[in-house]
Each structure stands twice: as structure tokens, then as C-alpha cells.
Amino acid sequence: RLLIAVTASFAFGGHAPAQDKSIVVASTTSTQDS
């Protein structure tokens, strides 16, 4: 929700933001820390 809100905040300049080609992956600390 916060990620969407942050992205939406850039739309107030009058131009629609580009398609967000990104995903959120919830993962373990071990895959990150390693």
C-alpha cells in the first residue's frame, strides 16, 4: 500500500506514471543476507 502511495504521488504533475514493471518478493533473511 505504501509503495503504491509513493508511486501515485508522482502522478500529480499532470502526467500518468509509466507502467511499473516491478514486483515485490517477500523472502527470508537468509536469501538476502547470503
Full PDB file with SEQRES, HELIX, SHEET, SSBOND, CRYST1, ORIGX, SCALE, CONECT and MASTER records, all heavy atoms in Angstrom:
SEQRES   1 A   34  ARG LEU LEU ILE ALA VAL THR ALA SER PHE ALA PHE GLY          
SEQRES   2 A   34  GLY HIS ALA PRO ALA GLN ASP LYS SER ILE VAL VAL ALA          
SEQRES   3 A   34  SER THR THR SER THR GLN ASP SER                              
HELIX    1 AA1 LEU A    2  ALA A    8  1                                   7    
HELIX    2 AA2 SER A    9  GLY A   13  5                                   5    
HELIX    3 AA3 THR A   29  ASP A   33  1                                   5    
CRYST1    1.000    1.000    1.000  90.00  90.00  90.00 P 1           1          
ORIGX1      1.000000  0.000000  0.000000        0.00000                         
ORIGX2      0.000000  1.000000  0.000000        0.00000                         
ORIGX3      0.000000  0.000000  1.000000        0.00000                         
SCALE1      1.000000  0.000000  0.000000        0.00000                         
SCALE2      0.000000  1.000000  0.000000        0.00000                         
SCALE3      0.000000  0.000000  1.000000        0.00000                         
ATOM      1  N   ARG A   1       0.831  -1.208   0.000  1.00  0.00           N  
ATOM      2  CA  ARG A   1       0.000   0.000   0.000  1.00  0.00           C  
ATOM      3  C   ARG A   1       0.864   1.256   0.000  1.00  0.00           C  
ATOM      4  O   ARG A   1       0.581   2.233  -0.688  1.00  0.00           O  
ATOM      5  CB  ARG A   1      -0.929  -0.017   1.223  1.00  0.00           C  
ATOM      6  CG  ARG A   1      -1.905  -1.187   1.210  1.00  0.00           C  
ATOM      7  CD  ARG A   1      -2.728  -1.230   2.488  1.00  0.00           C  
ATOM      8  NE  ARG A   1      -3.499  -2.476   2.563  1.00  0.00           N  
ATOM      9  CZ  ARG A   1      -3.028  -3.601   3.059  1.00  0.00           C  
ATOM     10  NH1 ARG A   1      -1.801  -3.652   3.516  1.00  0.00           N  
ATOM     11  NH2 ARG A   1      -3.782  -4.688   3.098  1.00  0.00           N  
ATOM     12  N   LEU A   2       1.932   1.227   0.802  1.00  0.00           N  
ATOM     13  CA  LEU A   2       2.816   2.383   0.858  1.00  0.00           C  
ATOM     14  C   LEU A   2       3.569   2.553  -0.455  1.00  0.00           C  
ATOM     15  O   LEU A   2       3.744   3.668  -0.945  1.00  0.00           O  
ATOM     16  CB  LEU A   2       3.796   2.234   2.019  1.00  0.00           C  
ATOM     17  CG  LEU A   2       4.735   3.428   2.271  1.00  0.00           C  
ATOM     18  CD1 LEU A   2       3.924   4.708   2.427  1.00  0.00           C  
ATOM     19  CD2 LEU A   2       5.576   3.178   3.507  1.00  0.00           C  
ATOM     20  N   LEU A   3       4.005   1.431  -1.044  1.00  0.00           N  
ATOM     21  CA  LEU A   3       4.694   1.504  -2.329  1.00  0.00           C  
ATOM     22  C   LEU A   3       3.785   2.131  -3.387  1.00  0.00           C  
ATOM     23  O   LEU A   3       4.208   2.980  -4.176  1.00  0.00           O  
ATOM     24  CB  LEU A   3       5.122   0.106  -2.784  1.00  0.00           C  
ATOM     25  CG  LEU A   3       6.328  -0.501  -2.071  1.00  0.00           C  
ATOM     26  CD1 LEU A   3       6.439  -1.979  -2.405  1.00  0.00           C  
ATOM     27  CD2 LEU A   3       7.588   0.229  -2.439  1.00  0.00           C  
ATOM     28  N   ILE A   4       2.509   1.730  -3.372  1.00  0.00           N  
ATOM     29  CA  ILE A   4       1.546   2.273  -4.337  1.00  0.00           C  
ATOM     30  C   ILE A   4       1.337   3.757  -4.081  1.00  0.00           C  
ATOM     31  O   ILE A   4       1.277   4.579  -4.995  1.00  0.00           O  
ATOM     32  CB  ILE A   4       0.211   1.506  -4.257  1.00  0.00           C  
ATOM     33  CG1 ILE A   4       0.406   0.083  -4.800  1.00  0.00           C  
ATOM     34  CG2 ILE A   4      -0.882   2.226  -5.041  1.00  0.00           C  
ATOM     35  CD1 ILE A   4      -0.788  -0.821  -4.599  1.00  0.00           C  
ATOM     36  N   ALA A   5       1.228   4.127  -2.795  1.00  0.00           N  
ATOM     37  CA  ALA A   5       1.015   5.523  -2.443  1.00  0.00           C  
ATOM     38  C   ALA A   5       2.184   6.384  -2.887  1.00  0.00           C  
ATOM     39  O   ALA A   5       2.014   7.484  -3.412  1.00  0.00           O  
ATOM     40  CB  ALA A   5       0.802   5.655  -0.938  1.00  0.00           C  
ATOM     41  N   VAL A   6       3.401   5.883  -2.680  1.00  0.00           N  
ATOM     42  CA  VAL A   6       4.593   6.624  -3.098  1.00  0.00           C  
ATOM     43  C   VAL A   6       4.609   6.805  -4.606  1.00  0.00           C  
ATOM     44  O   VAL A   6       4.884   7.873  -5.135  1.00  0.00           O  
ATOM     45  CB  VAL A   6       5.872   5.899  -2.626  1.00  0.00           C  
ATOM     46  CG1 VAL A   6       7.101   6.528  -3.247  1.00  0.00           C  
ATOM     47  CG2 VAL A   6       5.969   5.960  -1.099  1.00  0.00           C  
ATOM     48  N   THR A   7       4.279   5.724  -5.332  1.00  0.00           N  
ATOM     49  CA  THR A   7       4.241   5.794  -6.795  1.00  0.00           C  
ATOM     50  C   THR A   7       3.189   6.789  -7.269  1.00  0.00           C  
ATOM     51  O   THR A   7       3.422   7.596  -8.166  1.00  0.00           O  
ATOM     52  CB  THR A   7       3.937   4.403  -7.378  1.00  0.00           C  
ATOM     53  OG1 THR A   7       4.936   3.495  -6.923  1.00  0.00           O  
ATOM     54  CG2 THR A   7       3.949   4.441  -8.900  1.00  0.00           C  
ATOM     55  N   ALA A   8       2.011   6.739  -6.630  1.00  0.00           N  
ATOM     56  CA  ALA A   8       0.902   7.607  -7.037  1.00  0.00           C  
ATOM     57  C   ALA A   8       1.247   9.073  -6.819  1.00  0.00           C  
ATOM     58  O   ALA A   8       0.781   9.950  -7.544  1.00  0.00           O  
ATOM     59  CB  ALA A   8      -0.360   7.248  -6.266  1.00  0.00           C  
ATOM     60  N   SER A   9       2.086   9.363  -5.836  1.00  0.00           N  
ATOM     61  CA  SER A   9       2.404  10.752  -5.512  1.00  0.00           C  
ATOM     62  C   SER A   9       3.120  11.448  -6.664  1.00  0.00           C  
ATOM     63  O   SER A   9       3.102  12.662  -6.766  1.00  0.00           O  
ATOM     64  CB  SER A   9       3.267  10.817  -4.252  1.00  0.00           C  
ATOM     65  OG  SER A   9       4.555  10.315  -4.504  1.00  0.00           O  
ATOM     66  N   PHE A  10       3.724  10.671  -7.556  1.00  0.00           N  
ATOM     67  CA  PHE A  10       4.423  11.263  -8.692  1.00  0.00           C  
ATOM     68  C   PHE A  10       3.476  11.631  -9.838  1.00  0.00           C  
ATOM     69  O   PHE A  10       3.878  12.248 -10.798  1.00  0.00           O  
ATOM     70  CB  PHE A  10       5.503  10.295  -9.218  1.00  0.00           C  
ATOM     71  CG  PHE A  10       6.645  10.112  -8.267  1.00  0.00           C  
ATOM     72  CD1 PHE A  10       6.739   8.980  -7.471  1.00  0.00           C  
ATOM     73  CD2 PHE A  10       7.620  11.092  -8.140  1.00  0.00           C  
ATOM     74  CE1 PHE A  10       7.790   8.820  -6.579  1.00  0.00           C  
ATOM     75  CE2 PHE A  10       8.685  10.928  -7.257  1.00  0.00           C  
ATOM     76  CZ  PHE A  10       8.761   9.799  -6.470  1.00  0.00           C  
ATOM     77  N   ALA A  11       2.211  11.259  -9.712  1.00  0.00           N  
ATOM     78  CA  ALA A  11       1.261  11.478 -10.804  1.00  0.00           C  
ATOM     79  C   ALA A  11       0.656  12.865 -10.777  1.00  0.00           C  
ATOM     80  O   ALA A  11      -0.003  13.280 -11.728  1.00  0.00           O  
ATOM     81  CB  ALA A  11       0.134  10.436 -10.742  1.00  0.00           C  
ATOM     82  N   PHE A  12       0.859  13.624  -9.697  1.00  0.00           N  
ATOM     83  CA  PHE A  12       0.180  14.905  -9.566  1.00  0.00           C  
ATOM     84  C   PHE A  12       0.746  15.967 -10.491  1.00  0.00           C  
ATOM     85  O   PHE A  12       0.222  17.066 -10.568  1.00  0.00           O  
ATOM     86  CB  PHE A  12       0.233  15.379  -8.110  1.00  0.00           C  
ATOM     87  CG  PHE A  12      -0.598  14.522  -7.198  1.00  0.00           C  
ATOM     88  CD1 PHE A  12      -0.006  13.823  -6.153  1.00  0.00           C  
ATOM     89  CD2 PHE A  12      -1.957  14.398  -7.404  1.00  0.00           C  
ATOM     90  CE1 PHE A  12      -0.774  13.030  -5.316  1.00  0.00           C  
ATOM     91  CE2 PHE A  12      -2.726  13.597  -6.569  1.00  0.00           C  
ATOM     92  CZ  PHE A  12      -2.139  12.917  -5.524  1.00  0.00           C  
ATOM     93  N   GLY A  13       1.844  15.699 -11.183  1.00  0.00           N  
ATOM     94  CA  GLY A  13       2.403  16.669 -12.114  1.00  0.00           C  
ATOM     95  C   GLY A  13       1.613  16.765 -13.397  1.00  0.00           C  
ATOM     96  O   GLY A  13       1.944  17.547 -14.267  1.00  0.00           O  
ATOM     97  N   GLY A  14       0.559  15.963 -13.543  1.00  0.00           N  
ATOM     98  CA  GLY A  14      -0.282  16.022 -14.729  1.00  0.00           C  
ATOM     99  C   GLY A  14       0.022  14.931 -15.729  1.00  0.00           C  
ATOM    100  O   GLY A  14      -0.655  14.809 -16.732  1.00  0.00           O  
ATOM    101  N   HIS A  15       1.048  14.137 -15.479  1.00  0.00           N  
ATOM    102  CA  HIS A  15       1.388  13.047 -16.391  1.00  0.00           C  
ATOM    103  C   HIS A  15       1.227  11.725 -15.664  1.00  0.00           C  
ATOM    104  O   HIS A  15       1.695  11.565 -14.543  1.00  0.00           O  
ATOM    105  CB  HIS A  15       2.832  13.177 -16.890  1.00  0.00           C  
ATOM    106  CG  HIS A  15       3.093  14.460 -17.609  1.00  0.00           C  
ATOM    107  ND1 HIS A  15       2.680  14.682 -18.898  1.00  0.00           N  
ATOM    108  CD2 HIS A  15       3.701  15.612 -17.203  1.00  0.00           C  
ATOM    109  CE1 HIS A  15       3.027  15.907 -19.274  1.00  0.00           C  
ATOM    110  NE2 HIS A  15       3.646  16.490 -18.253  1.00  0.00           N  
ATOM    111  N   ALA A  16       0.588  10.771 -16.301  1.00  0.00           N  
ATOM    112  CA  ALA A  16       0.429   9.446 -15.694  1.00  0.00           C  
ATOM    113  C   ALA A  16       1.783   8.762 -15.638  1.00  0.00           C  
ATOM    114  O   ALA A  16       2.581   8.880 -16.567  1.00  0.00           O  
ATOM    115  CB  ALA A  16      -0.546   8.602 -16.519  1.00  0.00           C  
ATOM    116  N   PRO A  17       2.077   8.076 -14.524  1.00  0.00           N  
ATOM    117  CA  PRO A  17       3.365   7.389 -14.428  1.00  0.00           C  
ATOM    118  C   PRO A  17       3.447   6.227 -15.406  1.00  0.00           C  
ATOM    119  O   PRO A  17       2.436   5.656 -15.807  1.00  0.00           O  
ATOM    120  CB  PRO A  17       3.371   6.870 -12.980  1.00  0.00           C  
ATOM    121  CG  PRO A  17       1.930   6.760 -12.606  1.00  0.00           C  
ATOM    122  CD  PRO A  17       1.233   7.864 -13.336  1.00  0.00           C  
ATOM    123  N   ALA A  18       4.664   5.909 -15.802  1.00  0.00           N  
ATOM    124  CA  ALA A  18       4.851   4.777 -16.718  1.00  0.00           C  
ATOM    125  C   ALA A  18       4.462   3.485 -16.014  1.00  0.00           C  
ATOM    126  O   ALA A  18       4.429   3.414 -14.792  1.00  0.00           O  
ATOM    127  CB  ALA A  18       6.315   4.722 -17.153  1.00  0.00           C  
ATOM    128  N   GLN A  19       4.151   2.466 -16.815  1.00  0.00           N  
ATOM    129  CA  GLN A  19       3.821   1.147 -16.272  1.00  0.00           C  
ATOM    130  C   GLN A  19       4.958   0.681 -15.351  1.00  0.00           C  
ATOM    131  O   GLN A  19       6.119   0.674 -15.740  1.00  0.00           O  
ATOM    132  CB  GLN A  19       3.659   0.151 -17.421  1.00  0.00           C  
ATOM    133  CG  GLN A  19       3.421  -1.280 -16.975  1.00  0.00           C  
ATOM    134  CD  GLN A  19       1.983  -1.532 -16.562  1.00  0.00           C  
ATOM    135  OE1 GLN A  19       1.087  -0.844 -17.009  1.00  0.00           O  
ATOM    136  NE2 GLN A  19       1.761  -2.520 -15.709  1.00  0.00           N  
ATOM    137  N   ASP A  20       4.587   0.331 -14.122  1.00  0.00           N  
ATOM    138  CA  ASP A  20       5.589  -0.095 -13.134  1.00  0.00           C  
ATOM    139  C   ASP A  20       5.908  -1.564 -13.378  1.00  0.00           C  
ATOM    140  O   ASP A  20       5.123  -2.436 -13.015  1.00  0.00           O  
ATOM    141  CB  ASP A  20       5.034   0.119 -11.726  1.00  0.00           C  
ATOM    142  CG  ASP A  20       6.021  -0.318 -10.653  1.00  0.00           C  
ATOM    143  OD1 ASP A  20       7.219  -0.352 -10.961  1.00  0.00           O  
ATOM    144  OD2 ASP A  20       5.584  -0.626  -9.540  1.00  0.00           O  
ATOM    145  N   LYS A  21       7.043  -1.820 -13.993  1.00  0.00           N  
ATOM    146  CA  LYS A  21       7.433  -3.197 -14.290  1.00  0.00           C  
ATOM    147  C   LYS A  21       8.302  -3.706 -13.154  1.00  0.00           C  
ATOM    148  O   LYS A  21       9.520  -3.853 -13.278  1.00  0.00           O  
ATOM    149  CB  LYS A  21       8.169  -3.287 -15.627  1.00  0.00           C  
ATOM    150  CG  LYS A  21       8.210  -4.709 -16.188  1.00  0.00           C  
ATOM    151  CD  LYS A  21       8.737  -4.737 -17.599  1.00  0.00           C  
ATOM    152  CE  LYS A  21       8.703  -6.170 -18.154  1.00  0.00           C  
ATOM    153  NZ  LYS A  21       9.295  -6.275 -19.494  1.00  0.00           N  
ATOM    154  N   SER A  22       7.631  -3.931 -12.015  1.00  0.00           N  
ATOM    155  CA  SER A  22       8.352  -4.389 -10.840  1.00  0.00           C  
ATOM    156  C   SER A  22       7.438  -5.282 -10.015  1.00  0.00           C  
ATOM    157  O   SER A  22       6.214  -5.221 -10.135  1.00  0.00           O  
ATOM    158  CB  SER A  22       8.830  -3.210 -10.002  1.00  0.00           C  
ATOM    159  OG  SER A  22       7.712  -2.541  -9.434  1.00  0.00           O  
ATOM    160  N   ILE A  23       8.053  -6.117  -9.190  1.00  0.00           N  
ATOM    161  CA  ILE A  23       7.292  -6.973  -8.287  1.00  0.00           C  
ATOM    162  C   ILE A  23       7.897  -6.890  -6.889  1.00  0.00           C  
ATOM    163  O   ILE A  23       9.050  -6.501  -6.716  1.00  0.00           O  
ATOM    164  CB  ILE A  23       7.274  -8.452  -8.752  1.00  0.00           C  
ATOM    165  CG1 ILE A  23       8.704  -8.998  -8.879  1.00  0.00           C  
ATOM    166  CG2 ILE A  23       6.494  -8.608 -10.047  1.00  0.00           C  
ATOM    167  CD1 ILE A  23       8.771 -10.503  -9.148  1.00  0.00           C  
ATOM    168  N   VAL A  24       7.077  -7.244  -5.902  1.00  0.00           N  
ATOM    169  CA  VAL A  24       7.540  -7.338  -4.522  1.00  0.00           C  
ATOM    170  C   VAL A  24       7.654  -8.815  -4.171  1.00  0.00           C  
ATOM    171  O   VAL A  24       6.692  -9.581  -4.344  1.00  0.00           O  
ATOM    172  CB  VAL A  24       6.570  -6.633  -3.556  1.00  0.00           C  
ATOM    173  CG1 VAL A  24       7.016  -6.841  -2.106  1.00  0.00           C  
ATOM    174  CG2 VAL A  24       6.485  -5.141  -3.876  1.00  0.00           C  
ATOM    175  N   VAL A  25       8.823  -9.219  -3.701  1.00  0.00           N  
ATOM    176  CA  VAL A  25       9.054 -10.598  -3.281  1.00  0.00           C  
ATOM    177  C   VAL A  25       9.319 -10.613  -1.777  1.00  0.00           C  
ATOM    178  O   VAL A  25      10.282  -9.998  -1.310  1.00  0.00           O  
ATOM    179  CB  VAL A  25      10.239 -11.235  -4.036  1.00  0.00           C  
ATOM    180  CG1 VAL A  25      10.548 -12.622  -3.484  1.00  0.00           C  
ATOM    181  CG2 VAL A  25       9.934 -11.325  -5.529  1.00  0.00           C  
ATOM    182  N   ALA A  26       8.447 -11.290  -1.030  1.00  0.00           N  
ATOM    183  CA  ALA A  26       8.675 -11.496   0.398  1.00  0.00           C  
ATOM    184  C   ALA A  26       9.537 -12.747   0.534  1.00  0.00           C  
ATOM    185  O   ALA A  26       9.157 -13.826   0.085  1.00  0.00           O  
ATOM    186  CB  ALA A  26       7.344 -11.666   1.137  1.00  0.00           C  
ATOM    187  N   SER A  27      10.707 -12.579   1.126  1.00  0.00           N  
ATOM    188  CA  SER A  27      11.632 -13.705   1.206  1.00  0.00           C  
ATOM    189  C   SER A  27      12.310 -13.749   2.562  1.00  0.00           C  
ATOM    190  O   SER A  27      12.080 -12.898   3.422  1.00  0.00           O  
ATOM    191  CB  SER A  27      12.668 -13.621   0.083  1.00  0.00           C  
ATOM    192  OG  SER A  27      13.417 -14.820  -0.016  1.00  0.00           O  
ATOM    193  N   THR A  28      13.135 -14.753   2.742  1.00  0.00           N  
ATOM    194  CA  THR A  28      13.788 -14.971   4.027  1.00  0.00           C  
ATOM    195  C   THR A  28      15.022 -14.083   4.157  1.00  0.00           C  
ATOM    196  O   THR A  28      15.588 -13.629   3.166  1.00  0.00           O  
ATOM    197  CB  THR A  28      14.233 -16.437   4.159  1.00  0.00           C  
ATOM    198  OG1 THR A  28      15.375 -16.650   3.333  1.00  0.00           O  
ATOM    199  CG2 THR A  28      13.132 -17.378   3.734  1.00  0.00           C  
ATOM    200  N   THR A  29      15.447 -13.888   5.387  1.00  0.00           N  
ATOM    201  CA  THR A  29      16.676 -13.119   5.586  1.00  0.00           C  
ATOM    202  C   THR A  29      17.884 -13.864   5.040  1.00  0.00           C  
ATOM    203  O   THR A  29      18.878 -13.242   4.665  1.00  0.00           O  
ATOM    204  CB  THR A  29      16.882 -12.797   7.081  1.00  0.00           C  
ATOM    205  OG1 THR A  29      16.984 -14.016   7.813  1.00  0.00           O  
ATOM    206  CG2 THR A  29      15.738 -11.972   7.631  1.00  0.00           C  
ATOM    207  N   SER A  30      17.788 -15.192   4.961  1.00  0.00           N  
ATOM    208  CA  SER A  30      18.952 -15.961   4.505  1.00  0.00           C  
ATOM    209  C   SER A  30      19.233 -15.758   3.023  1.00  0.00           C  
ATOM    210  O   SER A  30      20.399 -15.714   2.611  1.00  0.00           O  
ATOM    211  CB  SER A  30      18.772 -17.455   4.808  1.00  0.00           C  
ATOM    212  OG  SER A  30      17.637 -17.982   4.173  1.00  0.00           O  
ATOM    213  N   THR A  31      18.199 -15.629   2.202  1.00  0.00           N  
ATOM    214  CA  THR A  31      18.430 -15.396   0.779  1.00  0.00           C  
ATOM    215  C   THR A  31      19.022 -14.009   0.546  1.00  0.00           C  
ATOM    216  O   THR A  31      19.793 -13.803  -0.386  1.00  0.00           O  
ATOM    217  CB  THR A  31      17.133 -15.564  -0.028  1.00  0.00           C  
ATOM    218  OG1 THR A  31      16.078 -14.868   0.629  1.00  0.00           O  
ATOM    219  CG2 THR A  31      16.746 -17.015  -0.195  1.00  0.00           C  
ATOM    220  N   GLN A  32      18.640 -13.072   1.419  1.00  0.00           N  
ATOM    221  CA  GLN A  32      19.182 -11.713   1.322  1.00  0.00           C  
ATOM    222  C   GLN A  32      20.575 -11.633   1.946  1.00  0.00           C  
ATOM    223  O   GLN A  32      21.525 -11.151   1.326  1.00  0.00           O  
ATOM    224  CB  GLN A  32      18.233 -10.741   2.033  1.00  0.00           C  
ATOM    225  CG  GLN A  32      18.676  -9.287   1.992  1.00  0.00           C  
ATOM    226  CD  GLN A  32      18.216  -8.578   0.735  1.00  0.00           C  
ATOM    227  OE1 GLN A  32      18.138  -9.169  -0.344  1.00  0.00           O  
ATOM    228  NE2 GLN A  32      17.932  -7.303   0.849  1.00  0.00           N  
ATOM    229  N   ASP A  33      20.694 -12.110   3.199  1.00  0.00           N  
ATOM    230  CA  ASP A  33      21.957 -11.981   3.928  1.00  0.00           C  
ATOM    231  C   ASP A  33      23.089 -12.784   3.286  1.00  0.00           C  
ATOM    232  O   ASP A  33      24.269 -12.423   3.419  1.00  0.00           O  
ATOM    233  CB  ASP A  33      21.791 -12.436   5.383  1.00  0.00           C  
ATOM    234  CG  ASP A  33      20.926 -11.492   6.205  1.00  0.00           C  
ATOM    235  OD1 ASP A  33      20.628 -10.384   5.711  1.00  0.00           O  
ATOM    236  OD2 ASP A  33      20.534 -11.864   7.321  1.00  0.00           O  
ATOM    237  N   SER A  34      22.757 -13.861   2.611  1.00  0.00           N  
ATOM    238  CA  SER A  34      23.784 -14.686   1.972  1.00  0.00           C  
ATOM    239  C   SER A  34      24.351 -14.033   0.716  1.00  0.00           C  
ATOM    240  O   SER A  34      25.405 -14.434   0.217  1.00  0.00           O  
ATOM    241  CB  SER A  34      23.188 -16.049   1.578  1.00  0.00           C  
ATOM    242  OG  SER A  34      22.197 -15.885   0.573  1.00  0.00           O  
TER     243      SER A  34                                                      
MASTER        0    0    0    3    0    0    0    6  242    1    0    3          
END                                                                             
